Amino acid sequence: MFDSGNQIVLIVSVVLFGLGIVCLVLSIFILAKQAMNRNIQTIADATTKLADKGITDGVSGLVGNASLLIGSLNDLAKSNTGIGIFLVFLSILLFAGAYYFVKPYTGTLP
C-alpha cells in the first residue's frame, strides 16, 4: 500500500495537522460561544441582587441558595473557558508534532 516510510510519515503529519485544525476550530467556537452568551451573567447579576435582598430581609435560606447558584454559575463559566484554552494548547501541540515529523524531509526549514 505504501511505497516507503516517507509516505507513512507524511500521512501521520497530515493527520496530526488536520487534528490540530479541528481542535483549533473547536476551541474558537467554544470561546466565542461563551463570549456571546451573556445570559449567564444576567442570571448571576439577578441572583446577587436576590442574595442582597435576602441579607437585608433576614432570610438566611434564600441567601444560602443564591450563593450556591452563584458558585455553580462561576464554575460553569470557568470550565467552559478551561476546555477552550485546553483545546488551543492541544492544537498547538498537534501542530508542533506535525512539524516535527515533516522537518527532516524539508531540509530548509529552521
PDB file of N, CA and C in Angstrom:
ATOM      1  N   MET A   1       0.814  -1.187   0.000  1.00  0.00           N
ATOM      2  CA  MET A   1       0.000   0.000   0.000  1.00  0.00           C
ATOM      3  C   MET A   1       0.865   1.261   0.000  1.00  0.00           C
ATOM      4  N   PHE A   2       1.863   1.313   0.886  1.00  0.00           N
ATOM      5  CA  PHE A   2       2.771   2.449   0.919  1.00  0.00           C
ATOM      6  C   PHE A   2       4.089   2.032   0.295  1.00  0.00           C
ATOM      7  N   ASP A   3       4.665   2.911  -0.514  1.00  0.00           N
ATOM      8  CA  ASP A   3       5.919   2.582  -1.186  1.00  0.00           C
ATOM      9  C   ASP A   3       7.124   2.754  -0.281  1.00  0.00           C
ATOM     10  N   SER A   4       7.051   3.715   0.643  1.00  0.00           N
ATOM     11  CA  SER A   4       8.205   3.940   1.515  1.00  0.00           C
ATOM     12  C   SER A   4       7.742   4.494   2.861  1.00  0.00           C
ATOM     13  N   GLY A   5       8.700   4.570   3.749  1.00  0.00           N
ATOM     14  CA  GLY A   5       8.417   5.129   5.067  1.00  0.00           C
ATOM     15  C   GLY A   5       8.110   6.612   5.002  1.00  0.00           C
ATOM     16  N   ASN A   6       8.619   7.271   3.961  1.00  0.00           N
ATOM     17  CA  ASN A   6       8.358   8.700   3.816  1.00  0.00           C
ATOM     18  C   ASN A   6       6.861   8.983   3.648  1.00  0.00           C
ATOM     19  N   GLN A   7       6.172   8.120   2.954  1.00  0.00           N
ATOM     20  CA  GLN A   7       4.735   8.301   2.769  1.00  0.00           C
ATOM     21  C   GLN A   7       3.986   8.147   4.089  1.00  0.00           C
ATOM     22  N   ILE A   8       4.422   7.191   4.898  1.00  0.00           N
ATOM     23  CA  ILE A   8       3.776   6.996   6.204  1.00  0.00           C
ATOM     24  C   ILE A   8       3.980   8.227   7.083  1.00  0.00           C
ATOM     25  N   VAL A   9       5.208   8.749   7.094  1.00  0.00           N
ATOM     26  CA  VAL A   9       5.497   9.936   7.892  1.00  0.00           C
ATOM     27  C   VAL A   9       4.682  11.124   7.382  1.00  0.00           C
ATOM     28  N   LEU A  10       4.555  11.243   6.085  1.00  0.00           N
ATOM     29  CA  LEU A  10       3.762  12.337   5.523  1.00  0.00           C
ATOM     30  C   LEU A  10       2.291  12.201   5.908  1.00  0.00           C
ATOM     31  N   ILE A  11       1.761  10.992   5.860  1.00  0.00           N
ATOM     32  CA  ILE A  11       0.359  10.773   6.230  1.00  0.00           C
ATOM     33  C   ILE A  11       0.143  11.069   7.713  1.00  0.00           C
ATOM     34  N   VAL A  12       1.076  10.631   8.560  1.00  0.00           N
ATOM     35  CA  VAL A  12       0.956  10.902  10.004  1.00  0.00           C
ATOM     36  C   VAL A  12       0.989  12.410  10.263  1.00  0.00           C
ATOM     37  N   SER A  13       1.882  13.112   9.585  1.00  0.00           N
ATOM     38  CA  SER A  13       1.973  14.558   9.799  1.00  0.00           C
ATOM     39  C   SER A  13       0.725  15.275   9.287  1.00  0.00           C
ATOM     40  N   VAL A  14       0.157  14.821   8.176  1.00  0.00           N
ATOM     41  CA  VAL A  14      -1.072  15.430   7.667  1.00  0.00           C
ATOM     42  C   VAL A  14      -2.226  15.170   8.627  1.00  0.00           C
ATOM     43  N   VAL A  15      -2.293  13.963   9.192  1.00  0.00           N
ATOM     44  CA  VAL A  15      -3.353  13.644  10.152  1.00  0.00           C
ATOM     45  C   VAL A  15      -3.197  14.498  11.413  1.00  0.00           C
ATOM     46  N   LEU A  16      -1.976  14.637  11.912  1.00  0.00           N
ATOM     47  CA  LEU A  16      -1.748  15.484  13.087  1.00  0.00           C
ATOM     48  C   LEU A  16      -2.124  16.938  12.806  1.00  0.00           C
ATOM     49  N   PHE A  17      -1.747  17.419  11.631  1.00  0.00           N
ATOM     50  CA  PHE A  17      -2.089  18.794  11.272  1.00  0.00           C
ATOM     51  C   PHE A  17      -3.607  18.962  11.163  1.00  0.00           C
ATOM     52  N   GLY A  18      -4.282  17.988  10.584  1.00  0.00           N
ATOM     53  CA  GLY A  18      -5.739  18.041  10.479  1.00  0.00           C
ATOM     54  C   GLY A  18      -6.412  18.022  11.837  1.00  0.00           C
ATOM     55  N   LEU A  19      -5.919  17.179  12.743  1.00  0.00           N
ATOM     56  CA  LEU A  19      -6.470  17.158  14.104  1.00  0.00           C
ATOM     57  C   LEU A  19      -6.211  18.481  14.821  1.00  0.00           C
ATOM     58  N   GLY A  20      -5.055  19.091  14.555  1.00  0.00           N
ATOM     59  CA  GLY A  20      -4.760  20.399  15.136  1.00  0.00           C
ATOM     60  C   GLY A  20      -5.730  21.462  14.644  1.00  0.00           C
ATOM     61  N   ILE A  21      -6.051  21.426  13.353  1.00  0.00           N
ATOM     62  CA  ILE A  21      -7.026  22.371  12.795  1.00  0.00           C
ATOM     63  C   ILE A  21      -8.391  22.162  13.444  1.00  0.00           C
ATOM     64  N   VAL A  22      -8.802  20.898  13.587  1.00  0.00           N
ATOM     65  CA  VAL A  22     -10.106  20.598  14.196  1.00  0.00           C
ATOM     66  C   VAL A  22     -10.149  21.106  15.640  1.00  0.00           C
ATOM     67  N   CYS A  23      -9.096  20.844  16.414  1.00  0.00           N
ATOM     68  CA  CYS A  23      -9.053  21.312  17.802  1.00  0.00           C
ATOM     69  C   CYS A  23      -9.072  22.833  17.880  1.00  0.00           C
ATOM     70  N   LEU A  24      -8.361  23.491  16.977  1.00  0.00           N
ATOM     71  CA  LEU A  24      -8.333  24.950  16.983  1.00  0.00           C
ATOM     72  C   LEU A  24      -9.702  25.531  16.651  1.00  0.00           C
ATOM     73  N   VAL A  25     -10.383  24.960  15.669  1.00  0.00           N
ATOM     74  CA  VAL A  25     -11.719  25.439  15.308  1.00  0.00           C
ATOM     75  C   VAL A  25     -12.694  25.211  16.464  1.00  0.00           C
ATOM     76  N   LEU A  26     -12.620  24.037  17.103  1.00  0.00           N
ATOM     77  CA  LEU A  26     -13.497  23.773  18.250  1.00  0.00           C
ATOM     78  C   LEU A  26     -13.234  24.740  19.395  1.00  0.00           C
ATOM     79  N   SER A  27     -11.980  25.021  19.664  1.00  0.00           N
ATOM     80  CA  SER A  27     -11.668  25.935  20.761  1.00  0.00           C
ATOM     81  C   SER A  27     -12.160  27.346  20.451  1.00  0.00           C
ATOM     82  N   ILE A  28     -12.008  27.784  19.213  1.00  0.00           N
ATOM     83  CA  ILE A  28     -12.511  29.103  18.841  1.00  0.00           C
ATOM     84  C   ILE A  28     -14.025  29.146  18.989  1.00  0.00           C
ATOM     85  N   PHE A  29     -14.695  28.080  18.563  1.00  0.00           N
ATOM     86  CA  PHE A  29     -16.151  28.017  18.683  1.00  0.00           C
ATOM     87  C   PHE A  29     -16.584  28.064  20.144  1.00  0.00           C
ATOM     88  N   ILE A  30     -15.924  27.296  21.002  1.00  0.00           N
ATOM     89  CA  ILE A  30     -16.292  27.255  22.426  1.00  0.00           C
ATOM     90  C   ILE A  30     -16.060  28.608  23.087  1.00  0.00           C
ATOM     91  N   LEU A  31     -14.903  29.219  22.821  1.00  0.00           N
ATOM     92  CA  LEU A  31     -14.605  30.502  23.454  1.00  0.00           C
ATOM     93  C   LEU A  31     -15.495  31.622  22.917  1.00  0.00           C
ATOM     94  N   ALA A  32     -15.808  31.597  21.623  1.00  0.00           N
ATOM     95  CA  ALA A  32     -16.689  32.616  21.058  1.00  0.00           C
ATOM     96  C   ALA A  32     -18.115  32.450  21.564  1.00  0.00           C
ATOM     97  N   LYS A  33     -18.547  31.196  21.695  1.00  0.00           N
ATOM     98  CA  LYS A  33     -19.899  30.929  22.191  1.00  0.00           C
ATOM     99  C   LYS A  33     -20.052  31.443  23.616  1.00  0.00           C
ATOM    100  N   GLN A  34     -19.033  31.246  24.425  1.00  0.00           N
ATOM    101  CA  GLN A  34     -19.115  31.716  25.802  1.00  0.00           C
ATOM    102  C   GLN A  34     -19.068  33.232  25.866  1.00  0.00           C
ATOM    103  N   ALA A  35     -18.288  33.854  24.989  1.00  0.00           N
ATOM    104  CA  ALA A  35     -18.210  35.315  24.994  1.00  0.00           C
ATOM    105  C   ALA A  35     -19.543  35.935  24.578  1.00  0.00           C
ATOM    106  N   MET A  36     -20.255  35.270  23.676  1.00  0.00           N
ATOM    107  CA  MET A  36     -21.538  35.804  23.223  1.00  0.00           C
ATOM    108  C   MET A  36     -22.677  35.480  24.183  1.00  0.00           C
ATOM    109  N   ASN A  37     -22.495  34.475  25.015  1.00  0.00           N
ATOM    110  CA  ASN A  37     -23.570  34.056  25.906  1.00  0.00           C
ATOM    111  C   ASN A  37     -23.541  34.891  27.179  1.00  0.00           C
ATOM    112  N   ARG A  38     -24.274  35.953  27.184  1.00  0.00           N
ATOM    113  CA  ARG A  38     -24.315  36.838  28.347  1.00  0.00           C
ATOM    114  C   ARG A  38     -25.495  36.525  29.256  1.00  0.00           C
ATOM    115  N   ASN A  39     -26.262  35.499  28.932  1.00  0.00           N
ATOM    116  CA  ASN A  39     -27.391  35.142  29.787  1.00  0.00           C
ATOM    117  C   ASN A  39     -26.925  34.682  31.158  1.00  0.00           C
ATOM    118  N   ILE A  40     -25.805  34.008  31.196  1.00  0.00           N
ATOM    119  CA  ILE A  40     -25.265  33.556  32.481  1.00  0.00           C
ATOM    120  C   ILE A  40     -24.932  34.757  33.354  1.00  0.00           C
ATOM    121  N   GLN A  41     -24.354  35.785  32.742  1.00  0.00           N
ATOM    122  CA  GLN A  41     -24.023  36.987  33.506  1.00  0.00           C
ATOM    123  C   GLN A  41     -25.282  37.672  34.023  1.00  0.00           C
ATOM    124  N   THR A  42     -26.336  37.676  33.217  1.00  0.00           N
ATOM    125  CA  THR A  42     -27.592  38.276  33.654  1.00  0.00           C
ATOM    126  C   THR A  42     -28.179  37.526  34.842  1.00  0.00           C
ATOM    127  N   ILE A  43     -28.141  36.194  34.777  1.00  0.00           N
ATOM    128  CA  ILE A  43     -28.651  35.381  35.882  1.00  0.00           C
ATOM    129  C   ILE A  43     -27.811  35.605  37.140  1.00  0.00           C
ATOM    130  N   ALA A  44     -26.505  35.700  36.960  1.00  0.00           N
ATOM    131  CA  ALA A  44     -25.638  35.927  38.117  1.00  0.00           C
ATOM    132  C   ALA A  44     -25.921  37.282  38.755  1.00  0.00           C
ATOM    133  N   ASP A  45     -26.138  38.300  37.944  1.00  0.00           N
ATOM    134  CA  ASP A  45     -26.459  39.624  38.493  1.00  0.00           C
ATOM    135  C   ASP A  45     -27.782  39.606  39.248  1.00  0.00           C
ATOM    136  N   ALA A  46     -28.781  38.948  38.666  1.00  0.00           N
ATOM    137  CA  ALA A  46     -30.080  38.869  39.330  1.00  0.00           C
ATOM    138  C   ALA A  46     -29.979  38.087  40.638  1.00  0.00           C
ATOM    139  N   THR A  47     -29.176  37.028  40.644  1.00  0.00           N
ATOM    140  CA  THR A  47     -29.000  36.230  41.854  1.00  0.00           C
ATOM    141  C   THR A  47     -28.284  37.029  42.932  1.00  0.00           C
ATOM    142  N   THR A  48     -27.318  37.835  42.539  1.00  0.00           N
ATOM    143  CA  THR A  48     -26.613  38.684  43.500  1.00  0.00           C
ATOM    144  C   THR A  48     -27.576  39.683  44.137  1.00  0.00           C
ATOM    145  N   LYS A  49     -28.430  40.273  43.325  1.00  0.00           N
ATOM    146  CA  LYS A  49     -29.429  41.206  43.867  1.00  0.00           C
ATOM    147  C   LYS A  49     -30.376  40.482  44.819  1.00  0.00           C
ATOM    148  N   LEU A  50     -30.751  39.243  44.447  1.00  0.00           N
ATOM    149  CA  LEU A  50     -31.638  38.447  45.290  1.00  0.00           C
ATOM    150  C   LEU A  50     -30.966  38.118  46.618  1.00  0.00           C
ATOM    151  N   ALA A  51     -29.665  37.800  46.566  1.00  0.00           N
ATOM    152  CA  ALA A  51     -28.935  37.495  47.799  1.00  0.00           C
ATOM    153  C   ALA A  51     -28.838  38.732  48.687  1.00  0.00           C
ATOM    154  N   ASP A  52     -28.593  39.887  48.072  1.00  0.00           N
ATOM    155  CA  ASP A  52     -28.532  41.123  48.861  1.00  0.00           C
ATOM    156  C   ASP A  52     -29.872  41.417  49.533  1.00  0.00           C
ATOM    157  N   LYS A  53     -30.961  41.197  48.810  1.00  0.00           N
ATOM    158  CA  LYS A  53     -32.295  41.406  49.385  1.00  0.00           C
ATOM    159  C   LYS A  53     -32.539  40.421  50.524  1.00  0.00           C
ATOM    160  N   GLY A  54     -32.056  39.177  50.346  1.00  0.00           N
ATOM    161  CA  GLY A  54     -32.220  38.182  51.403  1.00  0.00           C
ATOM    162  C   GLY A  54     -31.455  38.538  52.650  1.00  0.00           C
ATOM    163  N   ILE A  55     -30.287  39.142  52.490  1.00  0.00           N
ATOM    164  CA  ILE A  55     -29.487  39.543  53.651  1.00  0.00           C
ATOM    165  C   ILE A  55     -30.194  40.676  54.394  1.00  0.00           C
ATOM    166  N   THR A  56     -30.714  41.650  53.650  1.00  0.00           N
ATOM    167  CA  THR A  56     -31.364  42.780  54.324  1.00  0.00           C
ATOM    168  C   THR A  56     -32.678  42.378  54.966  1.00  0.00           C
ATOM    169  N   ASP A  57     -33.365  41.394  54.401  1.00  0.00           N
ATOM    170  CA  ASP A  57     -34.634  40.952  54.974  1.00  0.00           C
ATOM    171  C   ASP A  57     -34.463  39.868  56.026  1.00  0.00           C
ATOM    172  N   GLY A  58     -33.255  39.353  56.175  1.00  0.00           N
ATOM    173  CA  GLY A  58     -33.001  38.342  57.190  1.00  0.00           C
ATOM    174  C   GLY A  58     -33.440  36.947  56.792  1.00  0.00           C
ATOM    175  N   VAL A  59     -33.497  36.659  55.531  1.00  0.00           N
ATOM    176  CA  VAL A  59     -33.902  35.335  55.069  1.00  0.00           C
ATOM    177  C   VAL A  59     -32.620  34.545  54.770  1.00  0.00           C
ATOM    178  N   SER A  60     -32.217  33.709  55.692  1.00  0.00           N
ATOM    179  CA  SER A  60     -30.932  33.022  55.558  1.00  0.00           C
ATOM    180  C   SER A  60     -30.972  31.907  54.520  1.00  0.00           C
ATOM    181  N   GLY A  61     -32.093  31.225  54.385  1.00  0.00           N
ATOM    182  CA  GLY A  61     -32.177  30.153  53.392  1.00  0.00           C
ATOM    183  C   GLY A  61     -32.065  30.670  51.980  1.00  0.00           C
ATOM    184  N   LEU A  62     -32.644  31.820  51.720  1.00  0.00           N
ATOM    185  CA  LEU A  62     -32.572  32.445  50.403  1.00  0.00           C
ATOM    186  C   LEU A  62     -31.141  32.817  50.059  1.00  0.00           C
ATOM    187  N   VAL A  63     -30.414  33.313  51.026  1.00  0.00           N
ATOM    188  CA  VAL A  63     -29.027  33.709  50.814  1.00  0.00           C
ATOM    189  C   VAL A  63     -28.161  32.489  50.511  1.00  0.00           C
ATOM    190  N   GLY A  64     -28.391  31.410  51.238  1.00  0.00           N
ATOM    191  CA  GLY A  64     -27.605  30.200  51.004  1.00  0.00           C
ATOM    192  C   GLY A  64     -27.835  29.632  49.623  1.00  0.00           C
ATOM    193  N   ASN A  65     -29.079  29.578  49.185  1.00  0.00           N
ATOM    194  CA  ASN A  65     -29.381  29.058  47.849  1.00  0.00           C
ATOM    195  C   ASN A  65     -28.851  29.964  46.753  1.00  0.00           C
ATOM    196  N   ALA A  66     -28.952  31.272  46.958  1.00  0.00           N
ATOM    197  CA  ALA A  66     -28.436  32.210  45.966  1.00  0.00           C
ATOM    198  C   ALA A  66     -26.918  32.100  45.865  1.00  0.00           C
ATOM    199  N   SER A  67     -26.248  31.940  46.988  1.00  0.00           N
ATOM    200  CA  SER A  67     -24.795  31.791  46.975  1.00  0.00           C
ATOM    201  C   SER A  67     -24.377  30.509  46.251  1.00  0.00           C
ATOM    202  N   LEU A  68     -25.132  29.448  46.463  1.00  0.00           N
ATOM    203  CA  LEU A  68     -24.863  28.191  45.775  1.00  0.00           C
ATOM    204  C   LEU A  68     -25.044  28.342  44.270  1.00  0.00           C
ATOM    205  N   LEU A  69     -26.070  29.072  43.859  1.00  0.00           N
ATOM    206  CA  LEU A  69     -26.307  29.304  42.439  1.00  0.00           C
ATOM    207  C   LEU A  69     -25.191  30.131  41.822  1.00  0.00           C
ATOM    208  N   ILE A  70     -24.726  31.150  42.508  1.00  0.00           N
ATOM    209  CA  ILE A  70     -23.619  31.970  42.005  1.00  0.00           C
ATOM    210  C   ILE A  70     -22.358  31.123  41.858  1.00  0.00           C
ATOM    211  N   GLY A  71     -22.070  30.298  42.834  1.00  0.00           N
ATOM    212  CA  GLY A  71     -20.903  29.418  42.746  1.00  0.00           C
ATOM    213  C   GLY A  71     -20.995  28.452  41.583  1.00  0.00           C
ATOM    214  N   SER A  72     -22.174  27.903  41.363  1.00  0.00           N
ATOM    215  CA  SER A  72     -22.361  26.978  40.237  1.00  0.00           C
ATOM    216  C   SER A  72     -22.186  27.671  38.899  1.00  0.00           C
ATOM    217  N   LEU A  73     -22.699  28.882  38.778  1.00  0.00           N
ATOM    218  CA  LEU A  73     -22.541  29.634  37.528  1.00  0.00           C
ATOM    219  C   LEU A  73     -21.076  29.985  37.282  1.00  0.00           C
ATOM    220  N   ASN A  74     -20.355  30.335  38.328  1.00  0.00           N
ATOM    221  CA  ASN A  74     -18.930  30.642  38.163  1.00  0.00           C
ATOM    222  C   ASN A  74     -18.144  29.401  37.745  1.00  0.00           C
ATOM    223  N   ASP A  75     -18.473  28.253  38.349  1.00  0.00           N
ATOM    224  CA  ASP A  75     -17.798  27.011  37.962  1.00  0.00           C
ATOM    225  C   ASP A  75     -18.096  26.651  36.515  1.00  0.00           C
ATOM    226  N   LEU A  76     -19.325  26.883  36.078  1.00  0.00           N
ATOM    227  CA  LEU A  76     -19.693  26.605  34.689  1.00  0.00           C
ATOM    228  C   LEU A  76     -18.894  27.476  33.736  1.00  0.00           C
ATOM    229  N   ALA A  77     -18.776  28.754  34.039  1.00  0.00           N
ATOM    230  CA  ALA A  77     -18.026  29.662  33.176  1.00  0.00           C
ATOM    231  C   ALA A  77     -16.551  29.287  33.140  1.00  0.00           C
ATOM    232  N   LYS A  78     -16.003  28.927  34.285  1.00  0.00           N
ATOM    233  CA  LYS A  78     -14.591  28.550  34.339  1.00  0.00           C
ATOM    234  C   LYS A  78     -14.331  27.271  33.566  1.00  0.00           C
ATOM    235  N   SER A  79     -15.221  26.295  33.659  1.00  0.00           N
ATOM    236  CA  SER A  79     -14.983  25.031  32.970  1.00  0.00           C
ATOM    237  C   SER A  79     -15.064  25.196  31.460  1.00  0.00           C
ATOM    238  N   ASN A  80     -15.988  26.018  30.957  1.00  0.00           N
ATOM    239  CA  ASN A  80     -16.056  26.257  29.521  1.00  0.00           C
ATOM    240  C   ASN A  80     -14.807  26.962  29.021  1.00  0.00           C
ATOM    241  N   THR A  81     -14.335  27.927  29.768  1.00  0.00           N
ATOM    242  CA  THR A  81     -13.109  28.619  29.388  1.00  0.00           C
ATOM    243  C   THR A  81     -11.922  27.673  29.447  1.00  0.00           C
ATOM    244  N   GLY A  82     -11.880  26.845  30.474  1.00  0.00           N
ATOM    245  CA  GLY A  82     -10.785  25.884  30.599  1.00  0.00           C
ATOM    246  C   GLY A  82     -10.746  24.894  29.452  1.00  0.00           C
ATOM    247  N   ILE A  83     -11.896  24.420  29.033  1.00  0.00           N
ATOM    248  CA  ILE A  83     -11.947  23.486  27.906  1.00  0.00           C
ATOM    249  C   ILE A  83     -11.460  24.170  26.637  1.00  0.00           C
ATOM    250  N   GLY A  84     -11.892  25.396  26.408  1.00  0.00           N
ATOM    251  CA  GLY A  84     -11.454  26.126  25.217  1.00  0.00           C
ATOM    252  C   GLY A  84      -9.953  26.354  25.203  1.00  0.00           C
ATOM    253  N   ILE A  85      -9.397  26.760  26.338  1.00  0.00           N
ATOM    254  CA  ILE A  85      -7.953  27.006  26.408  1.00  0.00           C
ATOM    255  C   ILE A  85      -7.175  25.701  26.278  1.00  0.00           C
ATOM    256  N   PHE A  86      -7.683  24.623  26.878  1.00  0.00           N
ATOM    257  CA  PHE A  86      -7.031  23.327  26.728  1.00  0.00           C
ATOM    258  C   PHE A  86      -6.987  22.902  25.268  1.00  0.00           C
ATOM    259  N   LEU A  87      -8.064  23.108  24.542  1.00  0.00           N
ATOM    260  CA  LEU A  87      -8.083  22.743  23.129  1.00  0.00           C
ATOM    261  C   LEU A  87      -7.119  23.603  22.309  1.00  0.00           C
ATOM    262  N   VAL A  88      -6.932  24.857  22.683  1.00  0.00           N
ATOM    263  CA  VAL A  88      -5.950  25.698  21.991  1.00  0.00           C
ATOM    264  C   VAL A  88      -4.550  25.128  22.185  1.00  0.00           C
ATOM    265  N   PHE A  89      -4.209  24.776  23.429  1.00  0.00           N
ATOM    266  CA  PHE A  89      -2.885  24.212  23.687  1.00  0.00           C
ATOM    267  C   PHE A  89      -2.713  22.848  23.018  1.00  0.00           C
ATOM    268  N   LEU A  90      -3.766  22.053  22.990  1.00  0.00           N
ATOM    269  CA  LEU A  90      -3.699  20.766  22.302  1.00  0.00           C
ATOM    270  C   LEU A  90      -3.460  20.954  20.816  1.00  0.00           C
ATOM    271  N   SER A  91      -4.099  21.931  20.220  1.00  0.00           N
ATOM    272  CA  SER A  91      -3.885  22.177  18.790  1.00  0.00           C
ATOM    273  C   SER A  91      -2.450  22.635  18.528  1.00  0.00           C
ATOM    274  N   ILE A  92      -1.899  23.431  19.429  1.00  0.00           N
ATOM    275  CA  ILE A  92      -0.505  23.850  19.273  1.00  0.00           C
ATOM    276  C   ILE A  92       0.425  22.646  19.350  1.00  0.00           C
ATOM    277  N   LEU A  93       0.163  21.728  20.270  1.00  0.00           N
ATOM    278  CA  LEU A  93       0.978  20.516  20.374  1.00  0.00           C
ATOM    279  C   LEU A  93       0.852  19.647  19.120  1.00  0.00           C
ATOM    280  N   LEU A  94      -0.342  19.550  18.577  1.00  0.00           N
ATOM    281  CA  LEU A  94      -0.527  18.762  17.356  1.00  0.00           C
ATOM    282  C   LEU A  94       0.188  19.403  16.173  1.00  0.00           C
ATOM    283  N   PHE A  95       0.146  20.720  16.075  1.00  0.00           N
ATOM    284  CA  PHE A  95       0.887  21.413  15.014  1.00  0.00           C
ATOM    285  C   PHE A  95       2.389  21.182  15.169  1.00  0.00           C
ATOM    286  N   ALA A  96       2.878  21.249  16.415  1.00  0.00           N
ATOM    287  CA  ALA A  96       4.301  21.022  16.669  1.00  0.00           C
ATOM    288  C   ALA A  96       4.693  19.588  16.313  1.00  0.00           C
ATOM    289  N   GLY A  97       3.823  18.622  16.617  1.00  0.00           N
ATOM    290  CA  GLY A  97       4.101  17.236  16.255  1.00  0.00           C
ATOM    291  C   GLY A  97       4.149  17.034  14.758  1.00  0.00           C
ATOM    292  N   ALA A  98       3.242  17.659  14.039  1.00  0.00           N
ATOM    293  CA  ALA A  98       3.252  17.564  12.571  1.00  0.00           C
ATOM    294  C   ALA A  98       4.526  18.186  12.014  1.00  0.00           C
ATOM    295  N   TYR A  99       4.927  19.323  12.566  1.00  0.00           N
ATOM    296  CA  TYR A  99       6.170  19.971  12.128  1.00  0.00           C
ATOM    297  C   TYR A  99       7.378  19.093  12.431  1.00  0.00           C
ATOM    298  N   TYR A 100       7.374  18.457  13.588  1.00  0.00           N
ATOM    299  CA  TYR A 100       8.479  17.580  13.981  1.00  0.00           C
ATOM    300  C   TYR A 100       8.646  16.424  12.993  1.00  0.00           C
ATOM    301  N   PHE A 101       7.529  15.854  12.525  1.00  0.00           N
ATOM    302  CA  PHE A 101       7.614  14.744  11.584  1.00  0.00           C
ATOM    303  C   PHE A 101       8.037  15.199  10.191  1.00  0.00           C
ATOM    304  N   VAL A 102       7.660  16.379   9.782  1.00  0.00           N
ATOM    305  CA  VAL A 102       7.942  16.845   8.416  1.00  0.00           C
ATOM    306  C   VAL A 102       9.321  17.506   8.312  1.00  0.00           C
ATOM    307  N   LYS A 103       9.817  18.043   9.397  1.00  0.00           N
ATOM    308  CA  LYS A 103      11.060  18.823   9.382  1.00  0.00           C
ATOM    309  C   LYS A 103      12.238  18.089   8.735  1.00  0.00           C
ATOM    310  N   PRO A 104      12.515  16.825   9.012  1.00  0.00           N
ATOM    311  CA  PRO A 104      13.679  16.187   8.368  1.00  0.00           C
ATOM    312  C   PRO A 104      13.559  16.069   6.859  1.00  0.00           C
ATOM    313  N   TYR A 105      12.369  16.141   6.322  1.00  0.00           N
ATOM    314  CA  TYR A 105      12.180  15.956   4.886  1.00  0.00           C
ATOM    315  C   TYR A 105      12.159  17.266   4.118  1.00  0.00           C
ATOM    316  N   THR A 106      12.135  18.372   4.828  1.00  0.00           N
ATOM    317  CA  THR A 106      12.109  19.657   4.133  1.00  0.00           C
ATOM    318  C   THR A 106      13.509  20.176   3.860  1.00  0.00           C
ATOM    319  N   GLY A 107      14.421  20.056   4.803  1.00  0.00           N
ATOM    320  CA  GLY A 107      15.807  20.427   4.605  1.00  0.00           C
ATOM    321  C   GLY A 107      16.087  21.897   4.755  1.00  0.00           C
ATOM    322  N   THR A 108      15.155  22.766   4.447  1.00  0.00           N
ATOM    323  CA  THR A 108      15.437  24.189   4.504  1.00  0.00           C
ATOM    324  C   THR A 108      14.750  24.919   5.636  1.00  0.00           C
ATOM    325  N   LEU A 109      13.813  24.272   6.304  1.00  0.00           N
ATOM    326  CA  LEU A 109      13.126  24.948   7.401  1.00  0.00           C
ATOM    327  C   LEU A 109      14.033  25.019   8.627  1.00  0.00           C
ATOM    328  N   PRO A 110      13.917  26.082   9.407  1.00  0.00           N
ATOM    329  CA  PRO A 110      14.778  26.211  10.603  1.00  0.00           C
ATOM    330  C   PRO A 110      14.381  25.241  11.695  1.00  0.00           C
TER     331      PRO A 110
END
